[in-house]
């Protein structure tokens, strides 16, 4: 399977797990708490598979960067967090950094 698609899956699962972390209410809600543990375990397992084929520095930066940007978007859309110019610009800078890393090589 293509490592880039596995990486995207790892990112998507990590975003879901982080969303569950918010919903777990300090691990007092059993189902979201289970989602956190299972989601992070699955995301790291997929990330470990990706690292068999891709450079660790770029892979982790893409995983962390896109995950961070997507969690920020989830916070805005789902949890009605504030959406300011500064937050929008910061998300765009994260995405620009991920694109730059991909153009620089390491993720095929």
C-alpha atoms as a PDB file:
ATOM      1  CA  UNK A   1       0.000   0.000   0.000  1.00  0.00           C
ATOM      2  CA  UNK A   2       1.204   3.509  -0.727  1.00  0.00           C
ATOM      3  CA  UNK A   3       2.923   5.042   2.308  1.00  0.00           C
ATOM      4  CA  UNK A   4       1.384   8.459   1.623  1.00  0.00           C
ATOM      5  CA  UNK A   5      -2.145   7.037   1.864  1.00  0.00           C
ATOM      6  CA  UNK A   6      -1.235   5.257   5.092  1.00  0.00           C
ATOM      7  CA  UNK A   7       0.140   8.547   6.417  1.00  0.00           C
ATOM      8  CA  UNK A   8      -3.111  10.319   5.559  1.00  0.00           C
ATOM      9  CA  UNK A   9      -5.007   7.572   7.380  1.00  0.00           C
ATOM     10  CA  UNK A  10      -2.769   7.988  10.432  1.00  0.00           C
ATOM     11  CA  UNK A  11      -3.445  11.725  10.391  1.00  0.00           C
ATOM     12  CA  UNK A  12      -7.208  11.255  10.083  1.00  0.00           C
ATOM     13  CA  UNK A  13      -7.283   8.770  12.961  1.00  0.00           C
ATOM     14  CA  UNK A  14      -5.125  11.052  15.113  1.00  0.00           C
ATOM     15  CA  UNK A  15      -7.544  13.939  14.493  1.00  0.00           C
ATOM     16  CA  UNK A  16     -10.470  11.705  15.513  1.00  0.00           C
ATOM     17  CA  UNK A  17      -8.600  10.595  18.653  1.00  0.00           C
ATOM     18  CA  UNK A  18      -7.841  14.191  19.605  1.00  0.00           C
ATOM     19  CA  UNK A  19     -11.495  15.104  19.084  1.00  0.00           C
ATOM     20  CA  UNK A  20     -12.399  12.195  21.388  1.00  0.00           C
ATOM     21  CA  UNK A  21      -9.939  13.618  23.923  1.00  0.00           C
ATOM     22  CA  UNK A  22     -12.008  16.798  24.074  1.00  0.00           C
ATOM     23  CA  UNK A  23     -15.232  14.772  24.280  1.00  0.00           C
ATOM     24  CA  UNK A  24     -13.838  12.512  27.031  1.00  0.00           C
ATOM     25  CA  UNK A  25     -14.192  15.366  29.547  1.00  0.00           C
ATOM     26  CA  UNK A  26     -10.983  14.504  31.382  1.00  0.00           C
ATOM     27  CA  UNK A  27     -11.441  10.767  30.761  1.00  0.00           C
ATOM     28  CA  UNK A  28     -14.759  10.747  32.635  1.00  0.00           C
ATOM     29  CA  UNK A  29     -16.752   9.632  29.581  1.00  0.00           C
ATOM     30  CA  UNK A  30     -16.029   5.960  28.767  1.00  0.00           C
ATOM     31  CA  UNK A  31     -16.752   5.831  25.025  1.00  0.00           C
ATOM     32  CA  UNK A  32     -14.741   8.911  23.997  1.00  0.00           C
ATOM     33  CA  UNK A  33     -11.968   7.795  26.377  1.00  0.00           C
ATOM     34  CA  UNK A  34     -11.821   4.461  24.558  1.00  0.00           C
ATOM     35  CA  UNK A  35     -11.695   6.391  21.274  1.00  0.00           C
ATOM     36  CA  UNK A  36      -8.633   8.274  22.526  1.00  0.00           C
ATOM     37  CA  UNK A  37      -6.702   5.144  23.470  1.00  0.00           C
ATOM     38  CA  UNK A  38      -7.655   3.093  20.406  1.00  0.00           C
ATOM     39  CA  UNK A  39      -7.281   6.053  18.047  1.00  0.00           C
ATOM     40  CA  UNK A  40      -3.822   7.077  19.200  1.00  0.00           C
ATOM     41  CA  UNK A  41      -2.641   3.448  19.207  1.00  0.00           C
ATOM     42  CA  UNK A  42      -3.911   2.944  15.647  1.00  0.00           C
ATOM     43  CA  UNK A  43      -2.437   6.236  14.475  1.00  0.00           C
ATOM     44  CA  UNK A  44       1.010   5.448  15.893  1.00  0.00           C
ATOM     45  CA  UNK A  45       0.876   1.929  14.444  1.00  0.00           C
ATOM     46  CA  UNK A  46       0.116   3.346  10.986  1.00  0.00           C
ATOM     47  CA  UNK A  47       2.838   5.948  11.462  1.00  0.00           C
ATOM     48  CA  UNK A  48       5.305   3.154  12.244  1.00  0.00           C
ATOM     49  CA  UNK A  49       4.385   1.456   8.956  1.00  0.00           C
ATOM     50  CA  UNK A  50       4.950   4.685   7.036  1.00  0.00           C
ATOM     51  CA  UNK A  51       8.403   5.079   8.566  1.00  0.00           C
ATOM     52  CA  UNK A  52       9.507   1.862   6.856  1.00  0.00           C
ATOM     53  CA  UNK A  53       9.402   3.765   3.544  1.00  0.00           C
ATOM     54  CA  UNK A  54       9.654   7.493   4.270  1.00  0.00           C
ATOM     55  CA  UNK A  55      12.095   9.781   6.096  1.00  0.00           C
ATOM     56  CA  UNK A  56      11.271  10.234   9.785  1.00  0.00           C
ATOM     57  CA  UNK A  57      11.766  14.004   9.877  1.00  0.00           C
ATOM     58  CA  UNK A  58       9.456  14.849   7.028  1.00  0.00           C
ATOM     59  CA  UNK A  59       6.939  12.132   7.922  1.00  0.00           C
ATOM     60  CA  UNK A  60       6.577  13.302  11.508  1.00  0.00           C
ATOM     61  CA  UNK A  61       6.415  16.955  10.470  1.00  0.00           C
ATOM     62  CA  UNK A  62       3.624  16.201   7.991  1.00  0.00           C
ATOM     63  CA  UNK A  63       1.759  14.035  10.530  1.00  0.00           C
ATOM     64  CA  UNK A  64       2.040  16.612  13.309  1.00  0.00           C
ATOM     65  CA  UNK A  65       1.499  19.664  11.088  1.00  0.00           C
ATOM     66  CA  UNK A  66      -1.555  18.491   9.214  1.00  0.00           C
ATOM     67  CA  UNK A  67      -2.967  16.952  12.381  1.00  0.00           C
ATOM     68  CA  UNK A  68      -2.571  20.257  14.203  1.00  0.00           C
ATOM     69  CA  UNK A  69      -4.176  22.241  11.388  1.00  0.00           C
ATOM     70  CA  UNK A  70      -7.087  19.813  11.090  1.00  0.00           C
ATOM     71  CA  UNK A  71      -7.689  19.741  14.851  1.00  0.00           C
ATOM     72  CA  UNK A  72      -7.803  23.547  14.798  1.00  0.00           C
ATOM     73  CA  UNK A  73     -10.423  23.390  12.042  1.00  0.00           C
ATOM     74  CA  UNK A  74     -12.427  20.783  14.005  1.00  0.00           C
ATOM     75  CA  UNK A  75     -12.273  23.076  17.035  1.00  0.00           C
ATOM     76  CA  UNK A  76     -13.667  25.936  14.982  1.00  0.00           C
ATOM     77  CA  UNK A  77     -16.387  23.940  13.196  1.00  0.00           C
ATOM     78  CA  UNK A  78     -17.449  21.423  15.850  1.00  0.00           C
ATOM     79  CA  UNK A  79     -16.670  23.098  19.171  1.00  0.00           C
ATOM     80  CA  UNK A  80     -17.410  26.664  18.004  1.00  0.00           C
ATOM     81  CA  UNK A  81     -13.978  27.949  19.002  1.00  0.00           C
ATOM     82  CA  UNK A  82     -13.063  31.452  17.890  1.00  0.00           C
ATOM     83  CA  UNK A  83     -11.922  31.988  14.313  1.00  0.00           C
ATOM     84  CA  UNK A  84      -9.650  34.982  14.038  1.00  0.00           C
ATOM     85  CA  UNK A  85      -7.413  36.301  11.307  1.00  0.00           C
ATOM     86  CA  UNK A  86      -4.379  35.262  13.365  1.00  0.00           C
ATOM     87  CA  UNK A  87      -5.685  31.701  13.754  1.00  0.00           C
ATOM     88  CA  UNK A  88      -6.483  31.457  10.028  1.00  0.00           C
ATOM     89  CA  UNK A  89      -3.045  32.779   9.085  1.00  0.00           C
ATOM     90  CA  UNK A  90      -1.378  30.333  11.467  1.00  0.00           C
ATOM     91  CA  UNK A  91      -3.251  27.376   9.955  1.00  0.00           C
ATOM     92  CA  UNK A  92      -2.214  28.527   6.488  1.00  0.00           C
ATOM     93  CA  UNK A  93       1.412  28.747   7.618  1.00  0.00           C
ATOM     94  CA  UNK A  94       1.252  25.164   8.903  1.00  0.00           C
ATOM     95  CA  UNK A  95      -0.161  23.971   5.578  1.00  0.00           C
ATOM     96  CA  UNK A  96       2.472  25.980   3.685  1.00  0.00           C
ATOM     97  CA  UNK A  97       5.178  24.341   5.784  1.00  0.00           C
ATOM     98  CA  UNK A  98       3.833  20.861   5.035  1.00  0.00           C
ATOM     99  CA  UNK A  99       3.691  21.649   1.312  1.00  0.00           C
ATOM    100  CA  UNK A 100       7.240  23.017   1.451  1.00  0.00           C
ATOM    101  CA  UNK A 101       8.503  19.869   3.163  1.00  0.00           C
ATOM    102  CA  UNK A 102       6.862  17.718   0.527  1.00  0.00           C
ATOM    103  CA  UNK A 103       8.383  19.776  -2.280  1.00  0.00           C
ATOM    104  CA  UNK A 104      11.784  19.497  -0.596  1.00  0.00           C
ATOM    105  CA  UNK A 105      11.657  15.716  -0.739  1.00  0.00           C
ATOM    106  CA  UNK A 106      11.165  12.903   1.686  1.00  0.00           C
ATOM    107  CA  UNK A 107       7.489  12.130   1.057  1.00  0.00           C
ATOM    108  CA  UNK A 108       6.943  10.450  -2.281  1.00  0.00           C
END
